[in-house]
Amino acid sequence: MKVKELMERCSTPDTGRTIAYIKDGLEEINILAETHIETERVNLEANKRFYDLPDNMLKLIDIRVKNHLNSKDEYRTVPRLLYPPLLKDADAV
């Protein structure tokens, strides 16, 4: 379907707005379907609390750490907190 056909079906005269709606819809489909997944590896540094994330990232799916709750050099998922932490974070921004 072409943009003009979509504009006729929706009875919208504005081409720019229609293209923006198409792009928004495709981005939402991408978020739900989780296509184009890329893996990024970041090495941990001593005494560093916050790390920069890529600008084009939409969703963080998983964080894995080597030797987390094991001693077999395996990567395991770091569990999320279910409740707010009991201790206040001194480094919070």
Protein backbone atom coordinates (compact mmCIF):
# COMPACT_ATOMS: atom_id res chain seq x y z
CA MET A 1 0.00 0.00 0.00
CA LYS A 2 1.32 3.41 -0.90
CA VAL A 3 1.17 6.50 1.30
CA LYS A 4 -1.39 8.10 -1.00
CA GLU A 5 -3.72 5.08 -0.68
CA LEU A 6 -3.40 5.20 3.10
CA MET A 7 -4.16 8.93 3.07
CA GLU A 8 -7.32 8.28 1.02
CA ARG A 9 -8.49 5.52 3.39
CA CYS A 10 -7.92 7.68 6.47
CA SER A 11 -9.16 10.84 4.72
CA THR A 12 -6.06 12.76 5.77
CA PRO A 13 -4.77 15.50 3.46
CA ASP A 14 -1.41 15.94 5.26
CA THR A 15 1.39 13.76 3.81
CA GLY A 16 3.93 14.59 6.54
CA ARG A 17 1.58 13.59 9.33
CA THR A 18 0.70 10.33 7.58
CA ILE A 19 4.38 9.42 7.15
CA ALA A 20 5.00 10.24 10.82
CA TYR A 21 2.14 7.91 11.82
CA ILE A 22 3.58 5.14 9.63
CA LYS A 23 7.02 5.54 11.24
CA ASP A 24 5.51 5.53 14.74
CA GLY A 25 3.55 2.38 13.93
CA LEU A 26 6.60 0.59 12.58
CA GLU A 27 8.59 1.54 15.69
CA GLU A 28 5.86 0.17 17.97
CA ILE A 29 5.76 -3.07 15.97
CA ASN A 30 9.53 -3.31 16.35
CA ILE A 31 9.26 -2.85 20.13
CA LEU A 32 6.59 -5.55 20.47
CA ALA A 33 8.10 -8.08 18.06
CA GLU A 34 11.72 -7.58 19.23
CA THR A 35 13.25 -7.81 15.78
CA HIS A 36 16.70 -6.43 14.98
CA ILE A 37 18.13 -7.37 18.37
CA GLU A 38 21.77 -6.39 18.77
CA THR A 39 24.15 -7.53 21.48
CA GLU A 40 26.47 -5.00 23.02
CA ARG A 41 29.23 -5.99 25.39
CA VAL A 42 30.56 -3.54 27.96
CA ASN A 43 33.51 -4.26 30.23
CA LEU A 44 33.10 -3.26 33.85
CA GLU A 45 35.55 -0.75 35.25
CA ALA A 46 36.67 -0.37 38.84
CA ASN A 47 34.83 2.33 40.82
CA LYS A 48 32.52 3.18 37.92
CA ARG A 49 28.81 3.19 38.73
CA PHE A 50 27.06 4.49 35.59
CA TYR A 51 27.65 3.51 31.97
CA ASP A 52 26.53 5.15 28.72
CA LEU A 53 23.93 3.28 26.68
CA PRO A 54 23.59 3.53 22.88
CA ASP A 55 21.38 6.39 21.64
CA ASN A 56 19.47 4.14 19.23
CA MET A 57 18.53 1.63 21.95
CA LEU A 58 14.79 1.19 22.47
CA LYS A 59 14.67 -1.49 25.15
CA LEU A 60 17.13 -3.23 27.46
CA ILE A 61 16.21 -6.93 27.47
CA ASP A 62 18.81 -8.64 29.64
CA ILE A 63 21.99 -8.05 31.62
CA ARG A 64 24.34 -10.98 32.12
CA VAL A 65 27.43 -11.19 34.31
CA LYS A 66 30.17 -13.78 34.30
CA ASN A 67 30.52 -15.82 37.54
CA HIS A 68 27.29 -14.39 39.01
CA LEU A 69 26.05 -16.96 41.57
CA ASN A 70 28.39 -19.61 40.13
CA SER A 71 32.07 -20.46 39.85
CA LYS A 72 32.02 -22.17 36.44
CA ASP A 73 32.83 -19.10 34.30
CA GLU A 74 29.20 -19.01 33.09
CA TYR A 75 27.22 -15.91 32.21
CA ARG A 76 24.00 -15.59 34.23
CA THR A 77 21.21 -13.05 34.21
CA VAL A 78 21.25 -10.44 36.96
CA PRO A 79 17.79 -10.55 38.59
CA ARG A 80 15.67 -7.42 38.77
CA LEU A 81 14.50 -6.00 42.05
CA LEU A 82 10.83 -6.60 42.79
CA TYR A 83 10.64 -3.85 45.39
CA PRO A 84 12.50 -0.57 45.90
CA PRO A 85 15.89 -1.10 47.61
CA LEU A 86 15.97 -0.80 51.37
CA LEU A 87 19.19 1.26 51.39
CA LYS A 88 19.26 4.66 49.72
CA ASP A 89 21.66 4.89 46.77
CA ALA A 90 24.37 7.44 47.54
CA ASP A 91 25.31 7.72 43.83
CA ALA A 92 21.77 8.37 42.58
CA VAL A 93 21.57 11.13 40.02
